[in-house]
Amino acid sequence: MRDNGRVTSATRQHETPAAATPPRLIATDLDGTLLRDDKSVSPRTVAALAAAEEAGIEVFFVTGRPARWMDVVSDHVHGHGLAICGNGAAVVDLHGGPGTHRFVKVRELARENALDAVRLLREAAPGTVFAVEQTYAFNQEPAYPKLHLEIPDVLSPAEDLLGPDSHTADQPVLKILAYHPELDPDAFLTVGRLAIGDRATVTRSSPSALLEISGPDVSKASTLALCCAERGISHEEVVAFGDMPNDVEMLTWAGRSYAMGNAHPDVIAAASGRTVANNDDGVAVIIEQLIEERR
């Protein structure tokens, strides 16, 4: 199902002390947050996720990763089996394991907007190169570096990859990736947001100068808000974890939120609390505290 409606409920203010509201849902980023640097889920974290489920707290993985990279946590999905991928561009049912996922909701980036973003970034930051992430395809320009552990389906200019004659023109575009070989990552993010404006959502999660560009108003927060609304869960009942700029909106929206000990400064400023680093099982530390609060 495609959903391109504008979501305004993903911005909120703290009306009541968050700690007074028992959590019903945990929303956690993966890389740099739930996962250790070696991309593993520690035994302590596995136990904490199981304890949350046993306590009746739903767990949602909310990540910039595409669905095909979710094998690292496919054994740990909550009973609902859902994950939010592509920075909110897709809700995916992971039941069945790697390679058998089903897209439950797709919030695509219109090709017209994507082409505008490519043009504007080429003008604002010469030397930028692009890749295109779709539901079942990944394509890139020839000069785009080997940042991802996969072989692209097609090597071609972004304008051709996004054109009506593309061999994957029938697939929704989830996001485009823009890489610059020289710019500072945060400076590139500022340039991208100023250049693209409201044509798309621009964020980043990589330590390199790599921007992730999604549809207008598409973010982890806005898609999480949709999923929570479908379950009758308010933002006060959500606890969120993250470490990079693509987590900021989600951490601001959630009733209680935690920046990892290894988090970007913008994430620390956005979160209502802080935990230890991902390699020290910072998510598990807080989940254990949440479980203890319920006793």
Protein backbone atom coordinates (compact mmCIF):
# COMPACT_ATOMS: atom_id res chain seq x y z
CA MET A 1 0.00 0.00 0.00
CA ARG A 2 1.30 3.43 -0.87
CA ASP A 3 0.71 6.30 1.49
CA ASN A 4 1.81 9.77 0.51
CA GLY A 5 -0.43 11.74 2.84
CA ARG A 6 1.11 14.51 4.88
CA VAL A 7 1.54 13.64 8.54
CA THR A 8 1.55 16.45 11.04
CA SER A 9 1.18 14.47 14.25
CA ALA A 10 4.89 13.59 14.41
CA THR A 11 5.66 16.86 16.15
CA ARG A 12 4.66 17.14 19.75
CA GLN A 13 5.35 18.95 22.97
CA HIS A 14 5.86 17.52 26.43
CA GLU A 15 2.50 18.01 28.10
CA THR A 16 3.09 15.72 31.08
CA PRO A 17 6.13 14.13 32.74
CA ALA A 18 6.96 11.22 30.42
CA ALA A 19 8.18 8.98 33.23
CA ALA A 20 4.68 8.97 34.74
CA THR A 21 3.26 7.19 31.68
CA PRO A 22 3.88 3.42 31.46
CA PRO A 23 5.43 2.55 28.07
CA ARG A 24 3.51 0.48 25.55
CA LEU A 25 5.99 0.63 22.68
CA ILE A 26 9.77 0.77 22.30
CA ALA A 27 11.09 2.27 19.06
CA THR A 28 14.77 1.70 18.47
CA ASP A 29 17.22 2.52 15.74
CA LEU A 30 19.65 -0.27 14.78
CA ASP A 31 23.12 0.80 13.64
CA GLY A 32 24.97 2.63 16.39
CA THR A 33 22.06 2.04 18.74
CA LEU A 34 20.69 -1.48 19.24
CA LEU A 35 23.49 -3.15 17.28
CA ARG A 36 27.06 -3.24 18.46
CA ASP A 37 29.70 -1.94 16.09
CA ASP A 38 30.24 -5.48 14.74
CA LYS A 39 26.52 -5.46 13.77
CA SER A 40 25.65 -8.12 16.35
CA VAL A 41 22.79 -8.16 18.86
CA SER A 42 24.33 -8.95 22.23
CA PRO A 43 22.91 -11.70 24.45
CA ARG A 44 21.95 -9.05 27.01
CA THR A 45 20.00 -7.12 24.37
CA VAL A 46 18.30 -10.29 23.09
CA ALA A 47 17.17 -11.02 26.66
CA ALA A 48 15.95 -7.45 27.15
CA LEU A 49 13.89 -7.53 23.94
CA ALA A 50 12.32 -10.82 25.02
CA ALA A 51 11.55 -9.38 28.46
CA ALA A 52 9.85 -6.36 26.89
CA GLU A 53 7.65 -8.60 24.78
CA GLU A 54 6.83 -10.74 27.81
CA ALA A 55 5.83 -7.56 29.66
CA GLY A 56 3.45 -6.58 26.87
CA ILE A 57 5.61 -3.78 25.44
CA GLU A 58 5.77 -3.81 21.65
CA VAL A 59 9.17 -3.35 20.04
CA PHE A 60 9.58 -1.62 16.69
CA PHE A 61 12.88 -1.50 14.85
CA VAL A 62 13.00 1.90 13.14
CA THR A 63 15.96 2.17 10.80
CA GLY A 64 17.43 3.80 7.73
CA ARG A 65 18.29 0.32 6.45
CA PRO A 66 16.46 -1.15 3.46
CA ALA A 67 14.29 -4.18 4.11
CA ARG A 68 16.83 -6.56 2.57
CA TRP A 69 19.36 -5.62 5.28
CA MET A 70 17.08 -6.62 8.14
CA ASP A 71 18.43 -10.16 8.55
CA VAL A 72 20.50 -8.93 11.52
CA VAL A 73 17.32 -8.63 13.61
CA SER A 74 14.82 -10.86 11.80
CA ASP A 75 15.10 -13.42 14.61
CA HIS A 76 14.18 -10.78 17.19
CA VAL A 77 11.08 -9.13 15.75
CA HIS A 78 8.16 -8.69 18.09
CA GLY A 79 5.02 -10.77 17.55
CA HIS A 80 3.69 -8.24 15.04
CA GLY A 81 6.77 -8.83 12.86
CA LEU A 82 6.87 -5.25 11.59
CA ALA A 83 9.81 -2.90 11.11
CA ILE A 84 10.04 0.66 9.79
CA CYS A 85 12.74 0.82 7.12
CA GLY A 86 14.29 3.46 4.86
CA ASN A 87 13.89 6.26 7.44
CA GLY A 88 10.12 5.83 7.40
CA ALA A 89 9.68 5.17 3.68
CA ALA A 90 8.40 1.63 4.28
CA VAL A 91 6.73 -0.52 6.89
CA VAL A 92 7.84 -4.10 6.33
CA ASP A 93 6.55 -7.44 7.62
CA LEU A 94 9.66 -9.49 8.41
CA HIS A 95 7.83 -12.73 9.11
CA GLY A 96 9.32 -15.50 7.05
CA GLY A 97 12.89 -14.29 7.33
CA PRO A 98 15.33 -12.67 4.88
CA GLY A 99 14.19 -12.43 1.27
CA THR A 100 10.52 -13.05 2.03
CA HIS A 101 9.58 -9.68 3.52
CA ARG A 102 6.33 -7.98 2.52
CA PHE A 103 5.83 -4.24 2.18
CA VAL A 104 2.85 -3.26 4.32
CA LYS A 105 3.09 0.49 3.69
CA VAL A 106 5.17 2.48 1.21
CA ARG A 107 5.62 6.24 1.42
CA GLU A 108 7.45 6.91 -1.79
CA LEU A 109 9.54 9.79 -3.07
CA ALA A 110 7.87 11.05 -6.25
CA ARG A 111 10.25 10.85 -9.20
CA GLU A 112 9.63 14.51 -10.02
CA ASN A 113 10.77 15.47 -6.53
CA ALA A 114 13.73 13.11 -6.75
CA LEU A 115 14.86 14.62 -10.04
CA ASP A 116 14.51 18.11 -8.55
CA ALA A 117 16.66 17.05 -5.60
CA VAL A 118 19.34 15.65 -7.89
CA ARG A 119 19.42 18.82 -9.99
CA LEU A 120 19.50 21.16 -7.01
CA LEU A 121 22.24 19.23 -5.24
CA ARG A 122 24.38 19.06 -8.36
CA GLU A 123 24.13 22.86 -8.52
CA ALA A 124 24.70 23.47 -4.80
CA ALA A 125 27.45 20.87 -4.28
CA PRO A 126 29.28 20.01 -7.52
CA GLY A 127 30.80 16.56 -7.37
CA THR A 128 27.81 14.95 -5.66
CA VAL A 129 27.04 11.43 -6.88
CA PHE A 130 23.81 9.48 -6.39
CA ALA A 131 22.22 6.10 -5.80
CA VAL A 132 18.53 5.19 -5.92
CA GLU A 133 16.86 2.90 -3.38
CA GLN A 134 13.58 1.27 -4.46
CA THR A 135 11.38 -1.41 -2.99
CA TYR A 136 13.24 -4.28 -4.68
CA ALA A 137 16.11 -2.58 -6.51
CA PHE A 138 19.25 -0.63 -5.80
CA ASN A 139 20.88 1.36 -8.63
CA GLN A 140 23.68 3.90 -8.67
CA GLU A 141 25.79 6.22 -10.75
CA PRO A 142 29.15 4.85 -11.93
CA ALA A 143 31.11 7.27 -9.70
CA TYR A 144 29.12 6.43 -6.55
CA PRO A 145 31.57 4.68 -4.16
CA LYS A 146 31.23 1.15 -2.79
CA LEU A 147 29.57 2.22 0.44
CA HIS A 148 27.15 -0.70 0.61
CA LEU A 149 27.77 -4.44 0.72
CA GLU A 150 25.92 -5.21 -2.49
CA ILE A 151 26.25 -5.00 -6.24
CA PRO A 152 23.93 -2.43 -7.84
CA ASP A 153 21.49 -3.63 -10.45
CA VAL A 154 22.33 -0.82 -12.88
CA LEU A 155 25.09 1.78 -13.26
CA SER A 156 23.71 4.90 -14.91
CA PRO A 157 23.25 8.65 -14.31
CA ALA A 158 20.62 9.41 -11.68
CA GLU A 159 18.50 11.23 -14.24
CA ASP A 160 18.23 7.98 -16.23
CA LEU A 161 17.66 5.85 -13.13
CA LEU A 162 14.74 8.09 -12.19
CA GLY A 163 13.38 8.51 -15.70
CA PRO A 164 10.21 6.99 -17.16
CA ASP A 165 12.22 4.53 -19.26
CA SER A 166 14.14 3.08 -16.32
CA HIS A 167 13.90 -0.72 -16.11
CA THR A 168 12.56 -0.30 -12.57
CA ALA A 169 10.13 2.50 -13.38
CA ASP A 170 7.29 0.36 -12.01
CA GLN A 171 8.82 0.31 -8.52
CA PRO A 172 8.34 3.12 -5.97
CA VAL A 173 11.43 5.14 -5.07
CA LEU A 174 11.98 4.94 -1.31
CA LYS A 175 14.91 7.33 -1.13
CA ILE A 176 17.89 8.63 -3.03
CA LEU A 177 21.37 8.66 -1.58
CA ALA A 178 23.73 11.55 -2.27
CA TYR A 179 27.46 11.27 -1.57
CA HIS A 180 30.09 13.98 -1.66
CA PRO A 181 33.77 13.00 -1.55
CA GLU A 182 35.07 16.17 0.12
CA LEU A 183 32.45 18.00 2.18
CA ASP A 184 32.07 17.72 5.95
CA PRO A 185 29.04 15.49 6.69
CA ASP A 186 27.15 18.09 8.75
CA ALA A 187 28.00 20.87 6.30
CA PHE A 188 26.70 18.72 3.44
CA LEU A 189 23.48 18.11 5.37
CA THR A 190 22.99 21.85 5.76
CA VAL A 191 23.69 22.44 2.07
CA GLY A 192 21.26 19.69 1.09
CA ARG A 193 18.43 20.94 3.27
CA LEU A 194 18.81 24.52 2.07
CA ALA A 195 19.03 23.52 -1.58
CA ILE A 196 16.16 21.03 -1.63
CA GLY A 197 13.78 22.80 0.74
CA ASP A 198 10.35 21.22 1.11
CA ARG A 199 10.63 19.10 -2.05
CA ALA A 200 11.95 16.22 0.06
CA THR A 201 13.15 15.26 3.54
CA VAL A 202 16.94 15.34 3.84
CA THR A 203 18.82 13.63 6.66
CA ARG A 204 21.88 11.53 7.33
CA SER A 205 22.96 8.54 9.41
CA SER A 206 26.43 7.78 8.04
CA PRO A 207 29.74 9.11 9.39
CA SER A 208 30.61 10.05 5.81
CA ALA A 209 29.09 12.85 3.71
CA LEU A 210 26.12 10.73 2.66
CA LEU A 211 22.63 12.23 2.56
CA GLU A 212 19.42 10.21 2.61
CA ILE A 213 16.58 11.91 0.75
CA SER A 214 12.96 10.79 1.20
CA GLY A 215 9.51 12.11 0.33
CA PRO A 216 8.21 15.33 1.90
CA ASP A 217 7.29 14.80 5.56
CA VAL A 218 8.57 11.21 5.46
CA SER A 219 10.67 10.45 8.52
CA LYS A 220 11.06 7.82 11.18
CA ALA A 221 8.83 9.95 13.40
CA SER A 222 5.95 10.44 10.98
CA THR A 223 5.74 6.76 10.03
CA LEU A 224 6.08 5.68 13.65
CA ALA A 225 3.22 8.08 14.49
CA LEU A 226 1.07 6.36 11.84
CA CYS A 227 1.85 2.91 13.23
CA CYS A 228 1.12 4.03 16.78
CA ALA A 229 -2.16 5.67 15.77
CA GLU A 230 -3.27 2.38 14.21
CA ARG A 231 -2.64 0.70 17.57
CA GLY A 232 -4.19 3.40 19.74
CA ILE A 233 -0.80 4.22 21.25
CA SER A 234 -0.04 7.84 22.14
CA HIS A 235 3.38 9.44 21.89
CA GLU A 236 3.54 9.58 25.71
CA GLU A 237 3.52 5.76 25.71
CA VAL A 238 6.53 5.48 23.37
CA VAL A 239 10.17 5.14 24.41
CA ALA A 240 12.66 5.79 21.59
CA PHE A 241 16.42 5.29 21.11
CA GLY A 242 18.81 6.72 18.52
CA ASP A 243 22.26 8.05 17.75
CA MET A 244 22.28 10.04 14.48
CA PRO A 245 20.49 13.02 12.86
CA ASN A 246 17.93 10.76 11.16
CA ASP A 247 16.68 9.89 14.67
CA VAL A 248 16.13 13.45 15.90
CA GLU A 249 12.45 13.79 14.89
CA MET A 250 11.60 10.41 16.42
CA LEU A 251 13.34 11.25 19.69
CA THR A 252 11.57 14.60 19.84
CA TRP A 253 8.18 12.99 19.19
CA ALA A 254 8.40 10.13 21.69
CA GLY A 255 7.25 10.65 25.25
CA ARG A 256 10.57 9.38 26.56
CA SER A 257 13.72 9.20 24.46
CA TYR A 258 17.36 8.29 24.91
CA ALA A 259 20.47 9.34 23.06
CA MET A 260 23.19 6.73 23.00
CA GLY A 261 26.51 7.45 24.68
CA ASN A 262 28.03 7.53 21.19
CA ALA A 263 25.34 9.86 19.78
CA HIS A 264 25.69 12.90 17.53
CA PRO A 265 25.40 16.23 19.44
CA ASP A 266 22.07 17.04 17.74
CA VAL A 267 20.66 13.74 19.02
CA ILE A 268 21.81 14.43 22.56
CA ALA A 269 20.09 17.81 22.42
CA ALA A 270 16.84 16.28 21.09
CA ALA A 271 16.49 13.38 23.52
CA SER A 272 14.93 13.61 26.97
CA GLY A 273 17.55 11.26 28.44
CA ARG A 274 20.83 9.54 27.74
CA THR A 275 22.11 6.00 28.05
CA VAL A 276 25.48 4.35 27.58
CA ALA A 277 26.98 3.53 24.17
CA ASN A 278 25.75 0.85 21.80
CA ASN A 279 28.78 -1.34 22.52
CA ASP A 280 27.81 -1.22 26.21
CA ASP A 281 24.21 -2.35 25.51
CA GLY A 282 22.68 1.06 26.16
CA VAL A 283 19.24 0.05 24.87
CA ALA A 284 19.17 -3.06 27.08
CA VAL A 285 20.15 -0.99 30.12
CA ILE A 286 17.06 1.21 29.74
CA ILE A 287 14.70 -1.65 28.84
CA GLU A 288 15.76 -3.43 32.04
CA GLN A 289 14.92 -0.26 33.98
CA LEU A 290 11.53 -0.01 32.24
CA ILE A 291 10.71 -3.60 33.15
CA GLU A 292 11.72 -2.94 36.74
CA GLU A 293 9.42 0.12 36.85
CA ARG A 294 6.44 -2.08 35.99
CA ARG A 295 6.99 -4.43 38.90
